[in-house]
Amino acid sequence: MGRCKARNGCTILKNKTEAINLLVKTIKASEADSAKTYEAYIERDKVIAVDAELPLNHIENYLKVRNDPEQKNMDPNQYVDLRYQAKAKQEGIH
C-alpha cells in the first residue's frame, strides 16, 4: 500500500478489496491477516489516511498501535517532517 498510482490521493486505500488483495500479493500475508491489517490501519485506528494526508494525530495513532511502552508519549514530530508533503502538494505531486 506504499505506492499510489492516483495523482490525487491513494485510491487503492479507498477500495478495501483491492487493498487487501495488494497486501496478500506484496507481503504474502493471508487474506484474513490482510483484512485485519486494513481494518486496523484504515478503518479502526485511522493510522493511514485514505486521501494520502499525514496528520500528526495519525502518527500518534500509529505509535499507540505499536503498543511500545517506551514510545507511547513520544512527540510525532520526531518521526515526520511535513515540509516534504507540503512541497509535494506545491509541485502537484501529491
Protein backbone atom coordinates (compact mmCIF):
# COMPACT_ATOMS: atom_id res chain seq x y z
CA MET A 1 0.00 0.00 0.00
CA GLY A 2 3.00 2.23 -0.04
CA ARG A 3 2.64 3.17 -3.69
CA CYS A 4 -0.24 5.10 -5.13
CA LYS A 5 -0.93 5.35 -8.82
CA ALA A 6 -3.59 8.01 -8.46
CA ARG A 7 -2.49 11.60 -8.61
CA ASN A 8 -5.00 12.88 -6.03
CA GLY A 9 -4.64 10.57 -3.06
CA CYS A 10 -4.39 6.85 -2.72
CA THR A 11 -7.46 5.44 -4.42
CA ILE A 12 -6.34 1.88 -3.63
CA LEU A 13 -6.89 2.62 0.05
CA LYS A 14 -10.50 3.60 -0.64
CA ASN A 15 -11.18 0.18 -2.14
CA LYS A 16 -10.90 -2.32 0.69
CA THR A 17 -10.95 -5.39 -1.56
CA GLU A 18 -8.16 -4.07 -3.80
CA ALA A 19 -6.07 -3.00 -0.81
CA ILE A 20 -6.42 -6.41 0.83
CA ASN A 21 -5.51 -8.18 -2.42
CA LEU A 22 -2.46 -5.94 -2.75
CA LEU A 23 -1.34 -6.86 0.77
CA VAL A 24 -1.80 -10.56 0.03
CA LYS A 25 0.23 -10.23 -3.15
CA THR A 26 3.04 -7.97 -1.96
CA ILE A 27 3.73 -9.15 1.58
CA LYS A 28 2.45 -12.70 1.14
CA ALA A 29 0.06 -12.37 4.07
CA SER A 30 -3.11 -14.42 4.32
CA GLU A 31 -6.34 -12.78 3.21
CA ALA A 32 -7.62 -12.85 6.80
CA ASP A 33 -4.47 -11.17 8.17
CA SER A 34 -4.53 -8.62 5.37
CA ALA A 35 -8.17 -7.80 6.12
CA LYS A 36 -7.34 -7.36 9.82
CA THR A 37 -4.43 -5.09 8.91
CA TYR A 38 -6.62 -2.96 6.63
CA GLU A 39 -9.34 -2.72 9.27
CA ALA A 40 -6.85 -1.73 11.99
CA TYR A 41 -4.81 0.77 9.99
CA ILE A 42 -7.52 2.29 7.79
CA GLU A 43 -10.88 1.86 9.47
CA ARG A 44 -10.48 1.46 13.22
CA ASP A 45 -7.30 3.27 14.25
CA LYS A 46 -7.06 5.59 11.24
CA VAL A 47 -3.28 5.25 11.08
CA ILE A 48 -3.25 5.77 7.31
CA ALA A 49 -5.50 8.38 5.71
CA VAL A 50 -7.21 7.34 2.51
CA ASP A 51 -6.57 10.78 1.00
CA ALA A 52 -2.79 10.44 1.48
CA GLU A 53 -2.70 13.21 4.08
CA LEU A 54 -0.44 12.68 7.06
CA PRO A 55 -1.98 14.44 10.04
CA LEU A 56 0.05 14.26 13.21
CA ASN A 57 -2.81 12.52 15.00
CA HIS A 58 -2.33 9.62 12.56
CA ILE A 59 1.28 9.33 13.68
CA GLU A 60 0.09 9.37 17.28
CA ASN A 61 -2.38 6.59 16.45
CA TYR A 62 0.42 4.58 14.85
CA LEU A 63 2.56 4.94 17.96
CA LYS A 64 -0.36 3.70 20.06
CA VAL A 65 -0.99 0.74 17.72
CA ARG A 66 2.66 -0.28 18.04
CA ASN A 67 1.99 -0.72 21.74
CA ASP A 68 5.57 0.03 22.70
CA PRO A 69 5.57 1.26 26.32
CA GLU A 70 8.71 3.33 25.77
CA GLN A 71 7.18 5.25 22.85
CA LYS A 72 3.59 5.93 23.94
CA ASN A 73 4.27 9.53 24.95
CA MET A 74 6.69 10.46 22.19
CA ASP A 75 6.09 13.51 20.06
CA PRO A 76 5.05 12.54 16.49
CA ASN A 77 7.07 15.48 15.19
CA GLN A 78 10.17 13.40 15.96
CA TYR A 79 9.17 11.00 13.17
CA VAL A 80 7.69 13.21 10.47
CA ASP A 81 8.86 16.27 8.61
CA LEU A 82 5.72 17.64 6.95
CA ARG A 83 7.75 20.06 4.81
CA TYR A 84 8.18 17.28 2.24
CA GLN A 85 4.44 16.75 1.98
CA ALA A 86 3.87 20.49 1.64
CA LYS A 87 6.46 20.67 -1.15
CA ALA A 88 4.87 17.70 -2.96
CA LYS A 89 1.47 19.42 -2.81
CA GLN A 90 3.00 22.64 -4.11
CA GLU A 91 4.59 20.80 -7.03
CA GLY A 92 1.39 18.88 -7.81
CA ILE A 93 2.93 15.53 -6.93
CA HIS A 94 0.56 14.84 -4.07
